[in-house]
Amino acid sequence: MQSQTLSRQAVASGETSFLRRALQSDALFSLLSSLVFIFAADPVARFIGPDVPAWLILALGAGFVPYAASIYWITMAIEARWSYGRIIVALNAIWVVASYLVLFIAWPEFTVAGRWFIALQAEVVFVLGVLQIVGLRRLGR
């Protein structure tokens, strides 16, 4: 009986580890994005499109900092905070949909490189969201 309990705990630990790593990857990507957006707002804005204001990029970068910190905080005790994983998945889904909606609505406002930049970051967020869903499903949540 004790060996079954230990093996279940080992499986559960491995499952939370997968979700923890997926969330930590999201936190790292968000933090790196925020640093680039904060410290290089003007060049990033020009790269994305000639009429994209640098203050908007700076605001996005500043908004990513608490988001990244929140995700990292969740991972510190994922066993107790696994339900927040669903919120992060939902926020990632909203980000992906919003990114493509912005591309669709304001296509001519962006440079070709800017369009690729927006699409590629949306795809990275999509992959992170899928990994988080897999981690949540492994937990049976």
N, C-alpha and C. Protein backbone atom coordinates (compact mmCIF):
# COMPACT_ATOMS: atom_id res chain seq x y z
N MET A 1 0.82 -1.18 0.00
CA MET A 1 0.00 0.00 0.00
C MET A 1 0.87 1.25 0.00
N GLN A 2 1.95 1.23 0.79
CA GLN A 2 2.81 2.38 0.87
C GLN A 2 3.52 2.63 -0.46
N SER A 3 3.92 1.58 -1.18
CA SER A 3 4.58 1.76 -2.46
C SER A 3 3.65 2.38 -3.49
N GLN A 4 2.35 2.03 -3.43
CA GLN A 4 1.39 2.65 -4.35
C GLN A 4 1.27 4.13 -4.06
N THR A 5 1.26 4.51 -2.79
CA THR A 5 1.16 5.91 -2.41
C THR A 5 2.39 6.67 -2.88
N LEU A 6 3.56 6.09 -2.68
CA LEU A 6 4.77 6.74 -3.12
C LEU A 6 4.81 6.89 -4.63
N SER A 7 4.40 5.88 -5.36
CA SER A 7 4.43 5.98 -6.82
C SER A 7 3.41 7.01 -7.31
N ARG A 8 2.26 7.08 -6.64
CA ARG A 8 1.29 8.12 -7.02
C ARG A 8 1.84 9.50 -6.75
N GLN A 9 2.54 9.66 -5.63
CA GLN A 9 3.14 10.94 -5.32
C GLN A 9 4.23 11.29 -6.34
N ALA A 10 4.99 10.29 -6.74
CA ALA A 10 6.03 10.53 -7.74
C ALA A 10 5.42 10.96 -9.06
N VAL A 11 4.34 10.30 -9.46
CA VAL A 11 3.66 10.68 -10.70
C VAL A 11 3.11 12.09 -10.58
N ALA A 12 2.45 12.36 -9.45
CA ALA A 12 1.88 13.69 -9.26
C ALA A 12 2.98 14.76 -9.26
N SER A 13 4.12 14.44 -8.64
CA SER A 13 5.22 15.39 -8.62
C SER A 13 5.74 15.65 -10.02
N GLY A 14 5.86 14.61 -10.83
CA GLY A 14 6.28 14.78 -12.22
C GLY A 14 5.28 15.58 -13.02
N GLU A 15 4.01 15.38 -12.73
CA GLU A 15 2.98 16.11 -13.44
C GLU A 15 3.01 17.59 -13.07
N THR A 16 3.18 17.89 -11.79
CA THR A 16 3.26 19.30 -11.41
C THR A 16 4.54 19.92 -11.94
N SER A 17 5.59 19.12 -12.06
CA SER A 17 6.84 19.62 -12.61
C SER A 17 6.66 20.08 -14.05
N PHE A 18 5.90 19.32 -14.85
CA PHE A 18 5.65 19.71 -16.24
C PHE A 18 4.90 21.04 -16.30
N LEU A 19 3.84 21.16 -15.50
CA LEU A 19 3.08 22.40 -15.46
C LEU A 19 3.95 23.54 -14.94
N ARG A 20 4.74 23.27 -13.92
CA ARG A 20 5.63 24.29 -13.37
C ARG A 20 6.59 24.79 -14.44
N ARG A 21 7.19 23.89 -15.20
CA ARG A 21 8.14 24.29 -16.25
C ARG A 21 7.45 25.08 -17.37
N ALA A 22 6.25 24.67 -17.73
CA ALA A 22 5.51 25.40 -18.77
C ALA A 22 5.20 26.82 -18.30
N LEU A 23 4.79 26.96 -17.04
CA LEU A 23 4.49 28.29 -16.50
C LEU A 23 5.76 29.11 -16.33
N GLN A 24 6.86 28.48 -15.90
CA GLN A 24 8.11 29.21 -15.75
C GLN A 24 8.63 29.69 -17.11
N SER A 25 8.41 28.89 -18.14
CA SER A 25 8.80 29.32 -19.49
C SER A 25 7.99 30.54 -19.91
N ASP A 26 6.72 30.54 -19.58
CA ASP A 26 5.86 31.68 -19.88
C ASP A 26 6.35 32.91 -19.11
N ALA A 27 6.68 32.74 -17.85
CA ALA A 27 7.17 33.87 -17.04
C ALA A 27 8.48 34.41 -17.62
N LEU A 28 9.37 33.53 -18.03
CA LEU A 28 10.64 33.96 -18.60
C LEU A 28 10.43 34.71 -19.92
N PHE A 29 9.59 34.17 -20.80
CA PHE A 29 9.31 34.83 -22.07
C PHE A 29 8.68 36.20 -21.83
N SER A 30 7.76 36.28 -20.88
CA SER A 30 7.11 37.56 -20.57
C SER A 30 8.11 38.56 -19.99
N LEU A 31 8.99 38.09 -19.11
CA LEU A 31 9.98 38.98 -18.51
C LEU A 31 10.97 39.49 -19.56
N LEU A 32 11.47 38.60 -20.41
CA LEU A 32 12.40 39.02 -21.46
C LEU A 32 11.73 40.00 -22.43
N SER A 33 10.47 39.72 -22.78
CA SER A 33 9.73 40.63 -23.65
C SER A 33 9.58 41.99 -22.98
N SER A 34 9.26 41.98 -21.70
CA SER A 34 9.07 43.26 -21.00
C SER A 34 10.36 44.07 -20.96
N LEU A 35 11.47 43.41 -20.73
CA LEU A 35 12.75 44.13 -20.69
C LEU A 35 13.09 44.74 -22.04
N VAL A 36 12.87 43.99 -23.10
CA VAL A 36 13.11 44.52 -24.44
C VAL A 36 12.16 45.68 -24.72
N PHE A 37 10.89 45.52 -24.38
CA PHE A 37 9.90 46.57 -24.65
C PHE A 37 10.18 47.82 -23.82
N ILE A 38 10.66 47.66 -22.60
CA ILE A 38 10.92 48.81 -21.74
C ILE A 38 12.19 49.54 -22.18
N PHE A 39 13.28 48.80 -22.38
CA PHE A 39 14.56 49.44 -22.65
C PHE A 39 14.80 49.74 -24.13
N ALA A 40 13.99 49.22 -25.01
CA ALA A 40 14.14 49.51 -26.45
C ALA A 40 12.78 49.83 -27.07
N ALA A 41 11.97 50.59 -26.36
CA ALA A 41 10.61 50.89 -26.82
C ALA A 41 10.61 51.60 -28.17
N ASP A 42 11.47 52.58 -28.33
CA ASP A 42 11.48 53.34 -29.58
C ASP A 42 11.92 52.49 -30.78
N PRO A 43 13.04 51.76 -30.69
CA PRO A 43 13.42 50.91 -31.83
C PRO A 43 12.39 49.81 -32.12
N VAL A 44 11.80 49.23 -31.08
CA VAL A 44 10.78 48.20 -31.29
C VAL A 44 9.57 48.80 -31.98
N ALA A 45 9.16 49.99 -31.56
CA ALA A 45 8.00 50.65 -32.18
C ALA A 45 8.27 50.92 -33.66
N ARG A 46 9.47 51.42 -33.98
CA ARG A 46 9.80 51.67 -35.39
C ARG A 46 9.87 50.38 -36.19
N PHE A 47 10.36 49.30 -35.55
CA PHE A 47 10.45 48.00 -36.21
C PHE A 47 9.06 47.46 -36.55
N ILE A 48 8.12 47.64 -35.63
CA ILE A 48 6.77 47.10 -35.84
C ILE A 48 6.01 47.90 -36.88
N GLY A 49 6.10 49.21 -36.81
CA GLY A 49 5.39 50.04 -37.78
C GLY A 49 5.74 51.50 -37.62
N PRO A 50 5.71 52.26 -38.71
CA PRO A 50 6.14 53.66 -38.65
C PRO A 50 5.25 54.53 -37.76
N ASP A 51 3.99 54.16 -37.59
CA ASP A 51 3.08 54.98 -36.79
C ASP A 51 2.77 54.38 -35.42
N VAL A 52 3.51 53.35 -35.03
CA VAL A 52 3.29 52.74 -33.72
C VAL A 52 3.99 53.61 -32.67
N PRO A 53 3.24 54.11 -31.69
CA PRO A 53 3.86 54.98 -30.69
C PRO A 53 4.73 54.19 -29.70
N ALA A 54 5.87 54.76 -29.38
CA ALA A 54 6.80 54.11 -28.45
C ALA A 54 6.20 53.97 -27.06
N TRP A 55 5.34 54.92 -26.67
CA TRP A 55 4.72 54.84 -25.34
C TRP A 55 3.86 53.59 -25.22
N LEU A 56 3.25 53.15 -26.32
CA LEU A 56 2.43 51.95 -26.29
C LEU A 56 3.30 50.71 -26.02
N ILE A 57 4.44 50.65 -26.67
CA ILE A 57 5.37 49.53 -26.46
C ILE A 57 5.89 49.57 -25.03
N LEU A 58 6.23 50.76 -24.54
CA LEU A 58 6.69 50.90 -23.16
C LEU A 58 5.62 50.47 -22.17
N ALA A 59 4.37 50.83 -22.42
CA ALA A 59 3.26 50.44 -21.54
C ALA A 59 3.06 48.92 -21.55
N LEU A 60 3.15 48.31 -22.74
CA LEU A 60 3.06 46.85 -22.81
C LEU A 60 4.18 46.19 -22.00
N GLY A 61 5.38 46.71 -22.15
CA GLY A 61 6.52 46.16 -21.41
C GLY A 61 6.33 46.30 -19.90
N ALA A 62 5.86 47.46 -19.47
CA ALA A 62 5.62 47.67 -18.04
C ALA A 62 4.51 46.75 -17.53
N GLY A 63 3.53 46.46 -18.37
CA GLY A 63 2.44 45.57 -17.98
C GLY A 63 2.88 44.12 -17.87
N PHE A 64 3.89 43.75 -18.62
CA PHE A 64 4.39 42.37 -18.58
C PHE A 64 5.11 42.05 -17.27
N VAL A 65 5.69 43.07 -16.62
CA VAL A 65 6.48 42.82 -15.41
C VAL A 65 5.63 42.19 -14.30
N PRO A 66 4.49 42.80 -13.92
CA PRO A 66 3.68 42.14 -12.88
C PRO A 66 3.09 40.81 -13.35
N TYR A 67 2.81 40.70 -14.64
CA TYR A 67 2.30 39.45 -15.19
C TYR A 67 3.34 38.34 -15.01
N ALA A 68 4.58 38.62 -15.40
CA ALA A 68 5.65 37.63 -15.26
C ALA A 68 5.88 37.29 -13.80
N ALA A 69 5.86 38.29 -12.93
CA ALA A 69 6.06 38.04 -11.50
C ALA A 69 4.92 37.19 -10.94
N SER A 70 3.71 37.43 -11.38
CA SER A 70 2.56 36.65 -10.92
C SER A 70 2.68 35.19 -11.34
N ILE A 71 3.07 34.98 -12.58
CA ILE A 71 3.23 33.61 -13.05
C ILE A 71 4.31 32.90 -12.24
N TYR A 72 5.42 33.59 -12.01
CA TYR A 72 6.49 32.97 -11.24
C TYR A 72 6.04 32.67 -9.82
N TRP A 73 5.28 33.57 -9.21
CA TRP A 73 4.73 33.35 -7.86
C TRP A 73 3.86 32.10 -7.84
N ILE A 74 3.07 31.91 -8.87
CA ILE A 74 2.21 30.72 -8.96
C ILE A 74 3.06 29.45 -8.97
N THR A 75 4.17 29.49 -9.67
CA THR A 75 4.99 28.29 -9.79
C THR A 75 5.72 27.93 -8.50
N MET A 76 5.82 28.86 -7.59
CA MET A 76 6.53 28.58 -6.34
C MET A 76 5.79 27.56 -5.47
N ALA A 77 4.48 27.47 -5.62
CA ALA A 77 3.69 26.48 -4.87
C ALA A 77 2.57 25.98 -5.78
N ILE A 78 2.97 25.41 -6.91
CA ILE A 78 2.00 25.01 -7.94
C ILE A 78 0.99 23.99 -7.41
N GLU A 79 1.41 23.16 -6.47
CA GLU A 79 0.49 22.16 -5.93
C GLU A 79 -0.73 22.84 -5.30
N ALA A 80 -0.52 23.98 -4.66
CA ALA A 80 -1.61 24.70 -4.00
C ALA A 80 -2.28 25.70 -4.94
N ARG A 81 -1.60 26.09 -5.99
CA ARG A 81 -2.11 27.16 -6.86
C ARG A 81 -2.39 26.70 -8.28
N TRP A 82 -2.58 25.42 -8.50
CA TRP A 82 -2.76 24.91 -9.86
C TRP A 82 -3.94 25.57 -10.56
N SER A 83 -4.96 25.99 -9.81
CA SER A 83 -6.14 26.59 -10.43
C SER A 83 -5.81 27.89 -11.14
N TYR A 84 -4.76 28.58 -10.72
CA TYR A 84 -4.34 29.79 -11.42
C TYR A 84 -3.83 29.47 -12.83
N GLY A 85 -3.39 28.24 -13.02
CA GLY A 85 -2.93 27.83 -14.35
C GLY A 85 -3.99 28.03 -15.41
N ARG A 86 -5.23 27.77 -15.04
CA ARG A 86 -6.33 27.98 -15.99
C ARG A 86 -6.47 29.45 -16.37
N ILE A 87 -6.27 30.32 -15.40
CA ILE A 87 -6.36 31.76 -15.67
C ILE A 87 -5.25 32.17 -16.64
N ILE A 88 -4.04 31.66 -16.42
CA ILE A 88 -2.92 31.98 -17.30
C ILE A 88 -3.19 31.46 -18.71
N VAL A 89 -3.74 30.26 -18.82
CA VAL A 89 -4.09 29.71 -20.14
C VAL A 89 -5.11 30.62 -20.82
N ALA A 90 -6.11 31.07 -20.08
CA ALA A 90 -7.13 31.96 -20.65
C ALA A 90 -6.51 33.28 -21.10
N LEU A 91 -5.63 33.84 -20.28
CA LEU A 91 -4.97 35.09 -20.66
C LEU A 91 -4.10 34.91 -21.89
N ASN A 92 -3.42 33.78 -21.98
CA ASN A 92 -2.62 33.49 -23.18
C ASN A 92 -3.51 33.38 -24.42
N ALA A 93 -4.65 32.74 -24.28
CA ALA A 93 -5.58 32.62 -25.41
C ALA A 93 -6.09 33.99 -25.84
N ILE A 94 -6.40 34.84 -24.87
CA ILE A 94 -6.85 36.19 -25.19
C ILE A 94 -5.75 36.96 -25.92
N TRP A 95 -4.51 36.79 -25.47
CA TRP A 95 -3.39 37.47 -26.10
C TRP A 95 -3.23 37.03 -27.56
N VAL A 96 -3.32 35.74 -27.80
CA VAL A 96 -3.17 35.23 -29.17
C VAL A 96 -4.28 35.77 -30.07
N VAL A 97 -5.51 35.69 -29.61
CA VAL A 97 -6.64 36.19 -30.41
C VAL A 97 -6.51 37.69 -30.64
N ALA A 98 -6.14 38.43 -29.60
CA ALA A 98 -5.99 39.88 -29.74
C ALA A 98 -4.86 40.23 -30.71
N SER A 99 -3.77 39.47 -30.67
CA SER A 99 -2.66 39.73 -31.59
C SER A 99 -3.10 39.59 -33.04
N TYR A 100 -3.80 38.51 -33.34
CA TYR A 100 -4.26 38.32 -34.72
C TYR A 100 -5.37 39.29 -35.10
N LEU A 101 -6.17 39.69 -34.13
CA LEU A 101 -7.20 40.70 -34.39
C LEU A 101 -6.56 42.04 -34.73
N VAL A 102 -5.53 42.41 -33.99
CA VAL A 102 -4.80 43.65 -34.28
C VAL A 102 -4.18 43.57 -35.66
N LEU A 103 -3.59 42.44 -36.00
CA LEU A 103 -3.02 42.28 -37.34
C LEU A 103 -4.09 42.43 -38.42
N PHE A 104 -5.24 41.82 -38.19
CA PHE A 104 -6.33 41.87 -39.17
C PHE A 104 -6.86 43.29 -39.34
N ILE A 105 -7.06 43.97 -38.23
CA ILE A 105 -7.66 45.31 -38.28
C ILE A 105 -6.68 46.36 -38.80
N ALA A 106 -5.43 46.28 -38.38
CA ALA A 106 -4.47 47.33 -38.71
C ALA A 106 -3.33 46.83 -39.60
N TRP A 107 -3.60 45.90 -40.47
CA TRP A 107 -2.58 45.30 -41.33
C TRP A 107 -1.69 46.34 -42.01
N PRO A 108 -2.23 47.39 -42.67
CA PRO A 108 -1.36 48.33 -43.38
C PRO A 108 -0.49 49.19 -42.45
N GLU A 109 -0.82 49.25 -41.18
CA GLU A 109 -0.06 50.08 -40.24
C GLU A 109 1.28 49.48 -39.87
N PHE A 110 1.47 48.19 -40.13
CA PHE A 110 2.68 47.49 -39.70
C PHE A 110 3.61 47.24 -40.87
N THR A 111 4.91 47.21 -40.55
CA THR A 111 5.88 46.80 -41.55
C THR A 111 5.77 45.29 -41.73
N VAL A 112 6.38 44.76 -42.76
CA VAL A 112 6.38 43.31 -42.96
C VAL A 112 7.05 42.63 -41.76
N ALA A 113 8.16 43.19 -41.32
CA ALA A 113 8.85 42.63 -40.15
C ALA A 113 7.97 42.74 -38.91
N GLY A 114 7.25 43.83 -38.78
CA GLY A 114 6.35 44.00 -37.64
C GLY A 114 5.23 42.98 -37.63
N ARG A 115 4.70 42.68 -38.82
CA ARG A 115 3.65 41.65 -38.91
C ARG A 115 4.19 40.29 -38.47
N TRP A 116 5.40 39.96 -38.93
CA TRP A 116 6.02 38.69 -38.54
C TRP A 116 6.29 38.67 -37.03
N PHE A 117 6.76 39.80 -36.51
CA PHE A 117 7.05 39.90 -35.09
C PHE A 117 5.80 39.63 -34.26
N ILE A 118 4.70 40.26 -34.61
CA ILE A 118 3.45 40.08 -33.88
C ILE A 118 2.95 38.64 -34.01
N ALA A 119 3.01 38.10 -35.22
CA ALA A 119 2.55 36.72 -35.43
C ALA A 119 3.42 35.71 -34.70
N LEU A 120 4.73 35.89 -34.74
CA LEU A 120 5.63 34.93 -34.09
C LEU A 120 5.50 34.96 -32.57
N GLN A 121 5.37 36.15 -32.00
CA GLN A 121 5.20 36.19 -30.54
C GLN A 121 3.85 35.59 -30.16
N ALA A 122 2.83 35.77 -31.00
CA ALA A 122 1.53 35.14 -30.72
C ALA A 122 1.66 33.61 -30.78
N GLU A 123 2.45 33.12 -31.69
CA GLU A 123 2.64 31.67 -31.81
C GLU A 123 3.42 31.11 -30.61
N VAL A 124 4.40 31.86 -30.12
CA VAL A 124 5.13 31.41 -28.93
C VAL A 124 4.17 31.34 -27.74
N VAL A 125 3.33 32.35 -27.59
CA VAL A 125 2.36 32.36 -26.49
C VAL A 125 1.36 31.21 -26.67
N PHE A 126 0.98 30.93 -27.91
CA PHE A 126 0.08 29.81 -28.18
C PHE A 126 0.71 28.48 -27.74
N VAL A 127 1.96 28.27 -28.11
CA VAL A 127 2.65 27.02 -27.74
C VAL A 127 2.77 26.92 -26.22
N LEU A 128 3.11 28.01 -25.56
CA LEU A 128 3.18 27.98 -24.10
C LEU A 128 1.82 27.64 -23.49
N GLY A 129 0.76 28.19 -24.06
CA GLY A 129 -0.58 27.88 -23.58
C GLY A 129 -0.93 26.40 -23.77
N VAL A 130 -0.55 25.85 -24.90
CA VAL A 130 -0.81 24.43 -25.14
C VAL A 130 -0.05 23.57 -24.13
N LEU A 131 1.21 23.92 -23.88
CA LEU A 131 1.99 23.18 -22.88
C LEU A 131 1.35 23.28 -21.50
N GLN A 132 0.81 24.42 -21.17
CA GLN A 132 0.15 24.60 -19.89
C GLN A 132 -1.13 23.77 -19.82
N ILE A 133 -1.86 23.70 -20.92
CA ILE A 133 -3.07 22.85 -20.96
C ILE A 133 -2.68 21.39 -20.75
N VAL A 134 -1.61 20.96 -21.42
CA VAL A 134 -1.14 19.58 -21.25
C VAL A 134 -0.78 19.33 -19.78
N GLY A 135 -0.08 20.29 -19.16
CA GLY A 135 0.29 20.15 -17.76
C GLY A 135 -0.93 20.06 -16.85
N LEU A 136 -1.94 20.87 -17.12
CA LEU A 136 -3.17 20.83 -16.32
C LEU A 136 -3.91 19.51 -16.53
N ARG A 137 -3.93 19.03 -17.75
CA ARG A 137 -4.61 17.75 -18.02
C ARG A 137 -3.89 16.58 -17.36
N ARG A 138 -2.58 16.66 -17.32
CA ARG A 138 -1.83 15.60 -16.63
C ARG A 138 -2.15 15.57 -15.15
N LEU A 139 -2.49 16.72 -14.61
CA LEU A 139 -2.89 16.78 -13.20
C LEU A 139 -4.32 16.32 -13.02
N GLY A 140 -5.03 16.17 -14.12
CA GLY A 140 -6.43 15.78 -14.04
C GLY A 140 -7.32 16.94 -13.63
N ARG A 141 -6.91 18.14 -13.91
CA ARG A 141 -7.64 19.34 -13.50
C ARG A 141 -8.35 19.96 -14.68
